[in-house]
């Protein structure tokens, strides 16, 4: 039995510029998703980046902390890494036997998304 997706319950109204709107629309079209779905995904990516920056700051030794006046840049790298079957099982505990029994390859998005 499939669990229902988490229901969306929060609303955030924000204004974006035309270039950002066009880029979200472009990505949406390429993914076959709505602009809202794509914007939520991209916002989640940004939250993950901020979390990692916070973790980096927390892990610095107190003698090597960057002060507010230190100039710098944020370097972001991304790569696609397919889920392992173990990870897919954690995401979707009730993976059906036919999926788990598929020989070779990697799980597909349809295997973990209801």
Protein backbone atom coordinates (compact mmCIF):
# COMPACT_ATOMS: atom_id res chain seq x y z
CA UNK A 1 0.00 0.00 0.00
CA UNK A 2 1.37 3.38 -0.95
CA UNK A 3 1.58 6.17 1.60
CA UNK A 4 0.09 9.49 0.45
CA UNK A 5 2.56 12.29 -0.29
CA UNK A 6 2.97 14.93 2.39
CA UNK A 7 0.27 17.52 1.93
CA UNK A 8 1.47 21.01 1.26
CA UNK A 9 0.28 23.33 3.97
CA UNK A 10 2.48 26.43 3.96
CA UNK A 11 2.23 29.37 1.64
CA UNK A 12 5.03 31.78 0.84
CA UNK A 13 4.36 34.71 -1.43
CA UNK A 14 7.43 36.20 -3.00
CA UNK A 15 8.25 38.37 -5.93
CA UNK A 16 10.91 37.27 -8.37
CA UNK A 17 12.51 39.03 -11.27
CA UNK A 18 11.76 38.28 -14.89
CA UNK A 19 15.07 36.49 -15.50
CA UNK A 20 14.56 34.15 -12.53
CA UNK A 21 10.97 33.52 -13.57
CA UNK A 22 12.10 32.66 -17.11
CA UNK A 23 14.78 30.31 -15.78
CA UNK A 24 12.28 28.51 -13.54
CA UNK A 25 9.91 28.18 -16.50
CA UNK A 26 12.74 26.79 -18.66
CA UNK A 27 13.72 24.22 -16.03
CA UNK A 28 10.05 23.33 -15.49
CA UNK A 29 9.54 22.66 -19.18
CA UNK A 30 12.68 20.54 -19.38
CA UNK A 31 11.56 18.45 -16.40
CA UNK A 32 7.91 18.25 -17.39
CA UNK A 33 6.88 19.73 -14.03
CA UNK A 34 4.92 22.79 -13.02
CA UNK A 35 6.71 26.02 -12.18
CA UNK A 36 5.55 25.66 -8.56
CA UNK A 37 6.97 22.13 -8.25
CA UNK A 38 10.24 23.25 -9.78
CA UNK A 39 10.46 26.35 -7.58
CA UNK A 40 9.90 24.19 -4.46
CA UNK A 41 12.70 21.86 -5.54
CA UNK A 42 15.07 24.74 -6.25
CA UNK A 43 14.20 26.40 -2.94
CA UNK A 44 14.95 23.10 -1.16
CA UNK A 45 18.35 23.02 -2.88
CA UNK A 46 19.04 26.53 -1.58
CA UNK A 47 18.06 25.50 1.94
CA UNK A 48 20.47 22.56 1.71
CA UNK A 49 23.27 24.89 0.61
CA UNK A 50 22.60 27.19 3.58
CA UNK A 51 22.57 24.24 5.98
CA UNK A 52 25.94 23.09 4.69
CA UNK A 53 27.38 26.60 5.02
CA UNK A 54 26.12 26.74 8.61
CA UNK A 55 27.67 23.34 9.33
CA UNK A 56 30.97 24.52 7.85
CA UNK A 57 30.95 27.55 10.12
CA UNK A 58 30.12 25.42 13.16
CA UNK A 59 32.97 23.00 12.41
CA UNK A 60 35.63 25.70 12.15
CA UNK A 61 38.09 26.00 14.99
CA UNK A 62 37.50 29.17 16.99
CA UNK A 63 40.94 30.49 16.02
CA UNK A 64 40.20 30.21 12.29
CA UNK A 65 36.72 31.69 12.22
CA UNK A 66 35.97 34.09 9.42
CA UNK A 67 35.01 37.52 10.64
CA UNK A 68 32.22 39.57 9.14
CA UNK A 69 34.77 41.61 7.20
CA UNK A 70 36.36 38.64 5.39
CA UNK A 71 35.51 38.69 1.68
CA UNK A 72 34.79 35.43 -0.09
CA UNK A 73 32.48 33.51 -2.34
CA UNK A 74 30.28 30.46 -2.10
CA UNK A 75 31.43 27.57 -4.26
CA UNK A 76 28.74 25.06 -5.13
CA UNK A 77 29.24 21.76 -6.87
CA UNK A 78 26.56 19.25 -7.68
CA UNK A 79 26.48 15.79 -9.15
CA UNK A 80 23.79 13.22 -9.74
CA UNK A 81 24.29 10.09 -7.67
CA UNK A 82 21.77 7.30 -8.16
CA UNK A 83 20.11 5.89 -5.05
CA UNK A 84 21.23 2.49 -3.90
CA UNK A 85 18.52 -0.07 -3.34
CA UNK A 86 19.04 0.34 0.41
CA UNK A 87 18.44 4.09 0.15
CA UNK A 88 15.37 3.52 -2.00
CA UNK A 89 14.00 1.13 0.62
CA UNK A 90 14.52 3.77 3.33
CA UNK A 91 12.66 6.35 1.25
CA UNK A 92 9.86 4.02 0.40
CA UNK A 93 9.70 1.19 2.94
CA UNK A 94 7.13 -0.78 1.05
CA UNK A 95 9.02 -1.21 -2.23
CA UNK A 96 7.15 -3.86 -4.09
CA UNK A 97 8.75 -7.23 -4.72
CA UNK A 98 8.91 -6.71 -8.48
CA UNK A 99 11.05 -3.58 -8.02
CA UNK A 100 13.41 -5.21 -5.52
CA UNK A 101 13.72 -8.22 -7.80
CA UNK A 102 14.64 -6.25 -10.90
CA UNK A 103 18.02 -7.53 -12.03
CA UNK A 104 20.86 -4.99 -12.20
CA UNK A 105 20.61 -1.29 -12.80
CA UNK A 106 19.52 1.38 -10.39
CA UNK A 107 16.12 2.34 -9.01
CA UNK A 108 14.08 4.74 -11.11
CA UNK A 109 12.25 7.80 -9.74
CA UNK A 110 8.98 5.96 -10.29
CA UNK A 111 10.24 3.26 -7.93
CA UNK A 112 10.37 5.63 -4.97
CA UNK A 113 7.72 8.24 -5.75
CA UNK A 114 4.11 7.21 -5.26
